[in-house]
N, C-alpha and C. Protein backbone atom coordinates (compact mmCIF):
# COMPACT_ATOMS: atom_id res chain seq x y z
N MET A 1 52.38 30.94 50.71
CA MET A 1 52.20 29.82 49.83
C MET A 1 53.58 29.19 49.59
N THR A 2 53.64 27.89 49.74
CA THR A 2 54.92 27.20 49.55
C THR A 2 55.18 26.99 48.07
N ARG A 3 56.43 26.59 47.79
CA ARG A 3 56.81 26.36 46.39
C ARG A 3 55.96 25.24 45.78
N LYS A 4 55.66 24.20 46.54
CA LYS A 4 54.87 23.09 46.05
C LYS A 4 53.45 23.54 45.72
N GLN A 5 52.87 24.39 46.55
CA GLN A 5 51.52 24.90 46.29
C GLN A 5 51.50 25.80 45.05
N ARG A 6 52.53 26.63 44.91
CA ARG A 6 52.62 27.50 43.73
C ARG A 6 52.73 26.67 42.45
N ARG A 7 53.57 25.65 42.49
CA ARG A 7 53.77 24.79 41.33
C ARG A 7 52.47 24.07 40.97
N MET A 8 51.77 23.56 41.94
CA MET A 8 50.49 22.88 41.70
C MET A 8 49.44 23.86 41.16
N THR A 9 49.46 25.08 41.65
CA THR A 9 48.53 26.11 41.16
C THR A 9 48.84 26.43 39.70
N MET A 10 50.12 26.56 39.36
CA MET A 10 50.52 26.84 37.98
C MET A 10 50.13 25.68 37.05
N ILE A 11 50.37 24.46 37.47
CA ILE A 11 50.03 23.30 36.65
C ILE A 11 48.51 23.22 36.47
N GLY A 12 47.76 23.43 37.53
CA GLY A 12 46.30 23.41 37.45
C GLY A 12 45.78 24.51 36.53
N GLY A 13 46.35 25.70 36.64
CA GLY A 13 45.93 26.80 35.77
C GLY A 13 46.25 26.52 34.31
N ALA A 14 47.44 25.97 34.05
CA ALA A 14 47.83 25.64 32.68
C ALA A 14 46.90 24.57 32.10
N LEU A 15 46.55 23.56 32.87
CA LEU A 15 45.64 22.52 32.40
C LEU A 15 44.25 23.10 32.11
N ALA A 16 43.79 24.02 32.94
CA ALA A 16 42.49 24.66 32.72
C ALA A 16 42.49 25.47 31.44
N VAL A 17 43.56 26.25 31.21
CA VAL A 17 43.66 27.04 29.97
C VAL A 17 43.72 26.11 28.76
N LEU A 18 44.46 25.01 28.85
CA LEU A 18 44.56 24.05 27.76
C LEU A 18 43.21 23.41 27.47
N ALA A 19 42.47 23.05 28.50
CA ALA A 19 41.14 22.45 28.31
C ALA A 19 40.18 23.44 27.65
N ILE A 20 40.22 24.70 28.06
CA ILE A 20 39.35 25.72 27.46
C ILE A 20 39.72 25.93 25.99
N ALA A 21 41.02 25.99 25.69
CA ALA A 21 41.47 26.17 24.31
C ALA A 21 41.03 24.99 23.43
N ALA A 22 41.18 23.77 23.93
CA ALA A 22 40.77 22.58 23.17
C ALA A 22 39.26 22.60 22.94
N GLY A 23 38.49 22.99 23.94
CA GLY A 23 37.04 23.08 23.79
C GLY A 23 36.64 24.11 22.74
N LEU A 24 37.29 25.26 22.73
CA LEU A 24 36.98 26.29 21.74
C LEU A 24 37.32 25.83 20.32
N VAL A 25 38.45 25.16 20.15
CA VAL A 25 38.85 24.68 18.83
C VAL A 25 37.86 23.62 18.34
N LEU A 26 37.50 22.66 19.18
CA LEU A 26 36.54 21.63 18.76
C LEU A 26 35.18 22.22 18.45
N ASN A 27 34.75 23.21 19.20
CA ASN A 27 33.47 23.86 18.93
C ASN A 27 33.51 24.59 17.59
N ALA A 28 34.61 25.25 17.28
CA ALA A 28 34.74 25.98 16.01
C ALA A 28 34.76 25.03 14.82
N LEU A 29 35.32 23.85 14.99
CA LEU A 29 35.43 22.88 13.90
C LEU A 29 34.24 21.94 13.80
N ARG A 30 33.26 22.10 14.66
CA ARG A 30 32.14 21.17 14.73
C ARG A 30 31.46 20.96 13.36
N ASP A 31 31.17 22.02 12.64
CA ASP A 31 30.49 21.90 11.35
C ASP A 31 31.45 21.59 10.21
N SER A 32 32.73 21.78 10.40
CA SER A 32 33.71 21.57 9.33
C SER A 32 34.24 20.15 9.29
N ILE A 33 33.92 19.34 10.25
CA ILE A 33 34.47 17.99 10.31
C ILE A 33 33.89 17.12 9.21
N VAL A 34 32.65 17.34 8.80
CA VAL A 34 32.03 16.59 7.72
C VAL A 34 32.73 16.94 6.41
N PHE A 35 33.05 15.93 5.58
CA PHE A 35 33.76 16.19 4.33
C PHE A 35 32.95 17.10 3.42
N PHE A 36 31.65 16.87 3.31
CA PHE A 36 30.80 17.77 2.54
C PHE A 36 29.37 17.64 3.02
N SER A 37 28.55 18.60 2.63
CA SER A 37 27.12 18.58 2.93
C SER A 37 26.36 18.32 1.64
N THR A 38 25.30 17.53 1.72
CA THR A 38 24.42 17.31 0.58
C THR A 38 23.46 18.48 0.49
N PRO A 39 22.76 18.66 -0.63
CA PRO A 39 21.78 19.74 -0.71
C PRO A 39 20.71 19.66 0.39
N THR A 40 20.29 18.46 0.76
CA THR A 40 19.31 18.30 1.84
C THR A 40 19.89 18.77 3.16
N MET A 41 21.13 18.38 3.45
CA MET A 41 21.78 18.81 4.69
C MET A 41 21.96 20.32 4.71
N ALA A 42 22.32 20.91 3.56
CA ALA A 42 22.49 22.36 3.49
C ALA A 42 21.18 23.08 3.79
N ALA A 43 20.07 22.54 3.29
CA ALA A 43 18.76 23.15 3.55
C ALA A 43 18.37 22.99 5.01
N GLU A 44 18.65 21.83 5.60
CA GLU A 44 18.30 21.59 7.00
C GLU A 44 19.12 22.45 7.95
N LYS A 45 20.39 22.66 7.63
CA LYS A 45 21.26 23.46 8.48
C LYS A 45 20.99 24.95 8.34
N LYS A 46 20.27 25.34 7.27
CA LYS A 46 20.02 26.76 6.98
C LYS A 46 21.34 27.55 7.01
N ILE A 47 22.27 27.10 6.18
CA ILE A 47 23.60 27.71 6.11
C ILE A 47 23.46 29.15 5.62
N PRO A 48 24.00 30.10 6.36
CA PRO A 48 23.87 31.51 5.95
C PRO A 48 24.70 31.84 4.71
N ALA A 49 24.24 32.84 3.98
CA ALA A 49 24.96 33.29 2.77
C ALA A 49 26.36 33.73 3.16
N GLY A 50 27.33 33.35 2.34
CA GLY A 50 28.71 33.75 2.58
C GLY A 50 29.53 32.75 3.38
N GLN A 51 28.89 31.81 4.08
CA GLN A 51 29.64 30.83 4.86
C GLN A 51 30.13 29.71 3.94
N ARG A 52 31.44 29.46 3.95
CA ARG A 52 32.04 28.45 3.07
C ARG A 52 31.75 27.04 3.58
N PHE A 53 31.46 26.16 2.61
CA PHE A 53 31.30 24.74 2.91
C PHE A 53 31.48 23.95 1.62
N ARG A 54 31.49 22.64 1.75
CA ARG A 54 31.61 21.76 0.58
C ARG A 54 30.25 21.15 0.30
N LEU A 55 29.87 21.17 -0.96
CA LEU A 55 28.59 20.63 -1.40
C LEU A 55 28.84 19.39 -2.23
N GLY A 56 28.18 18.29 -1.91
CA GLY A 56 28.37 17.06 -2.66
C GLY A 56 27.06 16.46 -3.10
N GLY A 57 27.07 15.80 -4.25
CA GLY A 57 25.89 15.14 -4.77
C GLY A 57 26.11 14.75 -6.22
N MET A 58 25.00 14.56 -6.92
CA MET A 58 25.04 14.18 -8.33
C MET A 58 24.66 15.38 -9.19
N VAL A 59 25.36 15.56 -10.32
CA VAL A 59 25.01 16.61 -11.27
C VAL A 59 23.75 16.15 -12.00
N GLU A 60 22.69 16.94 -11.91
CA GLU A 60 21.43 16.57 -12.54
C GLU A 60 21.54 16.53 -14.06
N GLN A 61 20.88 15.54 -14.65
CA GLN A 61 20.83 15.43 -16.11
C GLN A 61 20.13 16.65 -16.68
N GLY A 62 20.66 17.23 -17.73
CA GLY A 62 20.04 18.35 -18.41
C GLY A 62 20.21 19.70 -17.73
N SER A 63 21.00 19.76 -16.66
CA SER A 63 21.13 21.02 -15.92
C SER A 63 22.39 21.80 -16.28
N LEU A 64 23.33 21.20 -16.98
CA LEU A 64 24.60 21.84 -17.30
C LEU A 64 24.42 22.90 -18.38
N GLN A 65 24.82 24.14 -18.05
CA GLN A 65 24.75 25.24 -19.00
C GLN A 65 26.09 25.96 -18.99
N ARG A 66 26.66 26.12 -20.18
CA ARG A 66 27.95 26.81 -20.30
C ARG A 66 27.71 28.23 -20.76
N GLY A 67 28.43 29.18 -20.16
CA GLY A 67 28.31 30.58 -20.52
C GLY A 67 29.60 31.12 -21.09
N ASP A 68 29.73 32.43 -21.07
CA ASP A 68 30.93 33.09 -21.57
C ASP A 68 32.05 33.04 -20.54
N ASN A 69 33.28 33.09 -21.01
CA ASN A 69 34.48 33.18 -20.16
C ASN A 69 34.54 32.07 -19.11
N LEU A 70 34.32 30.83 -19.53
CA LEU A 70 34.41 29.64 -18.66
C LEU A 70 33.35 29.59 -17.57
N ALA A 71 32.29 30.39 -17.67
CA ALA A 71 31.20 30.34 -16.68
C ALA A 71 30.35 29.11 -16.94
N VAL A 72 30.02 28.39 -15.87
CA VAL A 72 29.24 27.17 -15.97
C VAL A 72 28.20 27.19 -14.85
N SER A 73 27.00 26.73 -15.15
CA SER A 73 26.00 26.55 -14.11
C SER A 73 25.41 25.15 -14.25
N PHE A 74 25.09 24.53 -13.13
CA PHE A 74 24.50 23.20 -13.11
C PHE A 74 23.78 23.03 -11.78
N LYS A 75 23.06 21.94 -11.64
CA LYS A 75 22.34 21.67 -10.40
C LYS A 75 22.89 20.40 -9.77
N VAL A 76 23.06 20.44 -8.44
CA VAL A 76 23.53 19.29 -7.68
C VAL A 76 22.36 18.78 -6.87
N SER A 77 22.13 17.46 -6.92
CA SER A 77 21.00 16.86 -6.23
C SER A 77 21.47 15.65 -5.44
N ASP A 78 20.76 15.37 -4.36
CA ASP A 78 21.01 14.15 -3.59
C ASP A 78 19.79 13.25 -3.61
N GLY A 79 18.84 13.55 -4.48
CA GLY A 79 17.61 12.78 -4.56
C GLY A 79 16.48 13.40 -3.75
N GLY A 80 16.82 14.21 -2.76
CA GLY A 80 15.80 14.85 -1.94
C GLY A 80 15.70 16.33 -2.22
N ALA A 81 16.81 16.98 -2.37
CA ALA A 81 16.84 18.42 -2.63
C ALA A 81 17.83 18.70 -3.76
N THR A 82 17.66 19.85 -4.38
CA THR A 82 18.52 20.27 -5.48
C THR A 82 19.02 21.67 -5.20
N LEU A 83 20.28 21.92 -5.50
CA LEU A 83 20.87 23.23 -5.28
C LEU A 83 21.55 23.69 -6.55
N PRO A 84 21.20 24.89 -7.07
CA PRO A 84 21.89 25.40 -8.26
C PRO A 84 23.31 25.84 -7.91
N VAL A 85 24.24 25.59 -8.83
CA VAL A 85 25.65 25.90 -8.62
C VAL A 85 26.15 26.74 -9.80
N ASN A 86 26.88 27.80 -9.51
CA ASN A 86 27.58 28.59 -10.52
C ASN A 86 29.07 28.45 -10.28
N PHE A 87 29.83 28.28 -11.37
CA PHE A 87 31.27 28.10 -11.27
C PHE A 87 31.92 28.80 -12.46
N LYS A 88 33.04 29.45 -12.21
CA LYS A 88 33.78 30.07 -13.29
C LYS A 88 35.20 29.51 -13.26
N GLY A 89 35.53 28.75 -14.28
CA GLY A 89 36.84 28.13 -14.34
C GLY A 89 36.80 26.88 -15.20
N ILE A 90 37.88 26.14 -15.18
CA ILE A 90 37.99 24.93 -15.97
C ILE A 90 37.49 23.76 -15.14
N LEU A 91 36.52 23.04 -15.68
CA LEU A 91 35.98 21.88 -14.99
C LEU A 91 36.92 20.68 -15.16
N PRO A 92 36.90 19.74 -14.22
CA PRO A 92 37.72 18.53 -14.36
C PRO A 92 37.30 17.74 -15.60
N ASP A 93 38.22 16.98 -16.17
CA ASP A 93 37.93 16.18 -17.37
C ASP A 93 36.79 15.19 -17.14
N LEU A 94 36.67 14.65 -15.94
CA LEU A 94 35.64 13.64 -15.66
C LEU A 94 34.29 14.24 -15.28
N PHE A 95 34.17 15.55 -15.26
CA PHE A 95 32.92 16.20 -14.91
C PHE A 95 31.90 16.05 -16.04
N ARG A 96 30.72 15.58 -15.70
CA ARG A 96 29.61 15.52 -16.66
C ARG A 96 28.31 15.28 -15.89
N GLU A 97 27.20 15.44 -16.60
CA GLU A 97 25.90 15.23 -15.99
C GLU A 97 25.74 13.78 -15.56
N GLY A 98 25.06 13.57 -14.45
CA GLY A 98 24.84 12.22 -13.95
C GLY A 98 25.99 11.66 -13.15
N GLN A 99 27.01 12.45 -12.86
CA GLN A 99 28.18 11.98 -12.13
C GLN A 99 28.25 12.65 -10.76
N GLY A 100 28.96 12.03 -9.84
CA GLY A 100 29.18 12.59 -8.53
C GLY A 100 30.12 13.77 -8.59
N VAL A 101 29.88 14.75 -7.72
CA VAL A 101 30.69 15.97 -7.71
C VAL A 101 30.75 16.52 -6.28
N VAL A 102 31.87 17.13 -5.96
CA VAL A 102 32.02 17.88 -4.71
C VAL A 102 32.50 19.27 -5.10
N ALA A 103 31.77 20.30 -4.66
CA ALA A 103 32.12 21.69 -4.99
C ALA A 103 32.39 22.44 -3.69
N GLU A 104 33.38 23.30 -3.70
CA GLU A 104 33.71 24.13 -2.55
C GLU A 104 33.35 25.57 -2.85
N GLY A 105 32.69 26.23 -1.90
CA GLY A 105 32.29 27.62 -2.10
C GLY A 105 31.32 28.07 -1.03
N ALA A 106 30.40 28.97 -1.41
CA ALA A 106 29.44 29.53 -0.46
C ALA A 106 28.15 29.88 -1.18
N LEU A 107 27.07 29.94 -0.42
CA LEU A 107 25.79 30.37 -0.97
C LEU A 107 25.76 31.88 -1.11
N ASP A 108 25.08 32.37 -2.15
CA ASP A 108 24.89 33.81 -2.27
C ASP A 108 23.52 34.16 -1.68
N GLY A 109 23.12 35.40 -1.77
CA GLY A 109 21.86 35.86 -1.18
C GLY A 109 20.62 35.24 -1.81
N GLN A 110 20.72 34.76 -3.05
CA GLN A 110 19.57 34.16 -3.74
C GLN A 110 19.51 32.64 -3.57
N GLY A 111 20.40 32.06 -2.79
CA GLY A 111 20.40 30.61 -2.57
C GLY A 111 21.13 29.82 -3.64
N VAL A 112 21.96 30.49 -4.44
CA VAL A 112 22.77 29.81 -5.46
C VAL A 112 24.16 29.57 -4.87
N PHE A 113 24.66 28.36 -5.04
CA PHE A 113 25.99 28.01 -4.52
C PHE A 113 27.03 28.52 -5.51
N LYS A 114 27.88 29.43 -5.06
CA LYS A 114 28.97 29.98 -5.88
C LYS A 114 30.22 29.16 -5.58
N ALA A 115 30.59 28.28 -6.50
CA ALA A 115 31.73 27.39 -6.29
C ALA A 115 33.00 28.03 -6.80
N ASP A 116 34.09 27.85 -6.06
CA ASP A 116 35.40 28.28 -6.55
C ASP A 116 36.28 27.08 -6.88
N THR A 117 35.85 25.88 -6.47
CA THR A 117 36.55 24.63 -6.79
C THR A 117 35.50 23.56 -7.07
N VAL A 118 35.71 22.78 -8.11
CA VAL A 118 34.82 21.65 -8.42
C VAL A 118 35.66 20.41 -8.58
N LEU A 119 35.31 19.35 -7.86
CA LEU A 119 36.01 18.07 -7.93
C LEU A 119 35.05 17.03 -8.48
N ALA A 120 35.49 16.24 -9.46
CA ALA A 120 34.66 15.20 -10.04
C ALA A 120 35.13 13.85 -9.53
N LYS A 121 34.23 12.88 -9.59
CA LYS A 121 34.60 11.53 -9.16
C LYS A 121 35.67 10.95 -10.08
N HIS A 122 36.40 9.96 -9.60
CA HIS A 122 37.56 9.50 -10.35
C HIS A 122 37.34 8.33 -11.29
N ASP A 123 36.26 7.57 -11.15
CA ASP A 123 35.98 6.52 -12.13
C ASP A 123 34.49 6.19 -12.15
N GLU A 124 34.10 5.23 -12.98
CA GLU A 124 32.68 5.00 -13.18
C GLU A 124 31.98 4.30 -12.02
N THR A 125 32.71 3.74 -11.06
CA THR A 125 32.05 3.06 -9.96
C THR A 125 32.19 3.82 -8.64
N TYR A 126 32.98 4.84 -8.57
CA TYR A 126 33.18 5.56 -7.32
C TYR A 126 32.02 6.51 -7.03
N MET A 127 31.61 6.50 -5.76
CA MET A 127 30.65 7.48 -5.30
C MET A 127 31.01 7.76 -3.85
N PRO A 128 31.07 9.03 -3.44
CA PRO A 128 31.38 9.32 -2.05
C PRO A 128 30.45 8.56 -1.11
N LYS A 129 30.99 8.06 -0.02
CA LYS A 129 30.23 7.24 0.92
C LYS A 129 28.98 7.96 1.40
N GLU A 130 29.09 9.26 1.67
CA GLU A 130 27.95 10.01 2.18
C GLU A 130 26.83 10.08 1.14
N VAL A 131 27.18 10.22 -0.14
CA VAL A 131 26.16 10.25 -1.19
C VAL A 131 25.51 8.88 -1.30
N ALA A 132 26.32 7.82 -1.29
CA ALA A 132 25.78 6.46 -1.36
C ALA A 132 24.86 6.19 -0.17
N ASP A 133 25.26 6.61 1.03
CA ASP A 133 24.42 6.42 2.22
C ASP A 133 23.11 7.17 2.10
N ALA A 134 23.16 8.40 1.57
CA ALA A 134 21.93 9.18 1.40
C ALA A 134 21.00 8.51 0.40
N LEU A 135 21.56 7.97 -0.70
CA LEU A 135 20.74 7.27 -1.69
C LEU A 135 20.16 5.99 -1.11
N LYS A 136 20.94 5.26 -0.32
CA LYS A 136 20.43 4.04 0.33
C LYS A 136 19.30 4.37 1.29
N LYS A 137 19.45 5.45 2.05
CA LYS A 137 18.45 5.86 3.02
C LYS A 137 17.12 6.20 2.33
N GLN A 138 17.20 6.74 1.11
CA GLN A 138 16.00 7.12 0.37
C GLN A 138 15.46 5.97 -0.47
N GLY A 139 16.11 4.80 -0.44
CA GLY A 139 15.66 3.65 -1.20
C GLY A 139 15.97 3.73 -2.68
N ARG A 140 16.89 4.57 -3.09
CA ARG A 140 17.24 4.74 -4.50
C ARG A 140 18.52 4.01 -4.85
N TRP A 141 19.02 3.18 -3.99
CA TRP A 141 20.32 2.52 -4.18
C TRP A 141 20.15 1.04 -3.97
N LYS A 142 20.75 0.26 -4.83
CA LYS A 142 20.82 -1.18 -4.62
C LYS A 142 22.17 -1.65 -5.11
N GLU A 143 22.65 -2.74 -4.54
CA GLU A 143 23.95 -3.26 -4.94
C GLU A 143 23.81 -4.00 -6.26
N GLY A 144 24.73 -3.76 -7.18
CA GLY A 144 24.73 -4.42 -8.49
C GLY A 144 25.58 -5.67 -8.46
N GLU A 145 25.80 -6.24 -9.61
CA GLU A 145 26.64 -7.43 -9.71
C GLU A 145 28.06 -7.09 -9.32
N GLY A 146 28.69 -7.99 -8.61
CA GLY A 146 30.07 -7.77 -8.22
C GLY A 146 30.23 -6.68 -7.17
N GLY A 147 29.13 -6.31 -6.49
CA GLY A 147 29.21 -5.30 -5.44
C GLY A 147 29.29 -3.88 -5.95
N LYS A 148 29.16 -3.69 -7.28
CA LYS A 148 29.24 -2.33 -7.82
C LYS A 148 27.90 -1.64 -7.63
N PRO A 149 27.89 -0.33 -7.41
CA PRO A 149 26.65 0.37 -7.14
C PRO A 149 25.77 0.52 -8.38
N VAL A 150 24.47 0.42 -8.17
CA VAL A 150 23.48 0.68 -9.21
C VAL A 150 22.42 1.57 -8.58
N VAL A 151 22.17 2.73 -9.16
CA VAL A 151 21.14 3.61 -8.65
C VAL A 151 19.82 3.13 -9.20
N SER A 152 18.87 2.89 -8.34
CA SER A 152 17.57 2.37 -8.73
C SER A 152 16.81 3.37 -9.58
N GLN A 153 16.24 2.91 -10.69
CA GLN A 153 15.44 3.77 -11.55
C GLN A 153 13.96 3.70 -11.18
N GLU A 154 13.60 2.84 -10.22
CA GLU A 154 12.20 2.63 -9.87
C GLU A 154 11.56 3.84 -9.23
N THR A 155 12.28 4.59 -8.40
CA THR A 155 11.67 5.69 -7.66
C THR A 155 11.77 7.01 -8.38
N SER A 156 12.67 7.15 -9.34
CA SER A 156 12.79 8.43 -10.05
C SER A 156 13.40 8.21 -11.42
N SER A 157 12.72 8.71 -12.44
CA SER A 157 13.27 8.56 -13.78
C SER A 157 14.37 9.58 -14.05
N ALA A 158 14.50 10.61 -13.18
CA ALA A 158 15.51 11.64 -13.38
C ALA A 158 16.85 11.24 -12.78
N LYS A 159 16.91 10.12 -12.06
CA LYS A 159 18.14 9.71 -11.39
C LYS A 159 19.03 8.95 -12.36
N PRO A 160 20.32 9.28 -12.46
CA PRO A 160 21.23 8.62 -13.39
C PRO A 160 21.53 7.19 -12.95
N SER A 161 21.86 6.36 -13.91
CA SER A 161 22.20 4.97 -13.63
C SER A 161 23.69 4.86 -13.38
N MET A 162 24.03 4.06 -12.39
CA MET A 162 25.43 3.77 -12.09
C MET A 162 25.67 2.29 -12.35
N ALA A 163 25.03 1.74 -13.38
CA ALA A 163 25.10 0.32 -13.67
C ALA A 163 26.52 -0.09 -14.06
N PRO A 164 26.94 -1.28 -13.62
CA PRO A 164 28.28 -1.75 -14.00
C PRO A 164 28.30 -2.14 -15.47
N SER A 165 29.49 -2.11 -16.06
CA SER A 165 29.60 -2.51 -17.46
C SER A 165 29.37 -4.01 -17.56
N MET A 166 28.89 -4.45 -18.69
CA MET A 166 28.56 -5.86 -18.88
C MET A 166 29.67 -6.63 -19.57
N THR A 167 30.86 -6.08 -19.63
CA THR A 167 31.99 -6.80 -20.24
C THR A 167 32.64 -7.69 -19.21
N GLN A 168 32.63 -9.00 -19.50
CA GLN A 168 33.25 -9.94 -18.57
C GLN A 168 34.02 -10.97 -19.33
């Protein structure tokens, strides 16, 4: 084998190893590329207990329960499915019922999401794009005045209003 053939063999082998490594990394990250999963997506994917993921949706009205030692439980809904969440720690100042939330953690054996981090939306008009898209898909979303989101009350009385303020 000449030097040129050896060099070409080495380059070809290195490219093959690089391609295999890139394929393995992309395959491993396939489910992690989404910023968060809604309760409906979590149910459809049948996420196994113990696997970490981000859960996003709206905190259901009347579901917030505070326990001892900073323990909190609430339900996250996307309008189609609801998932109970348990969290132990200090909640963000903007966290409340009827608001958008993203929680990081894993499901336990009983189907309860055990969160170790909870993130609340940053103002009264913000809603994660994926949550807004899910609400639009279900017909529970309509654009309000000035392009601000308004969650339709026509299809569900349990859905919180995201109506814009009337101060102009």
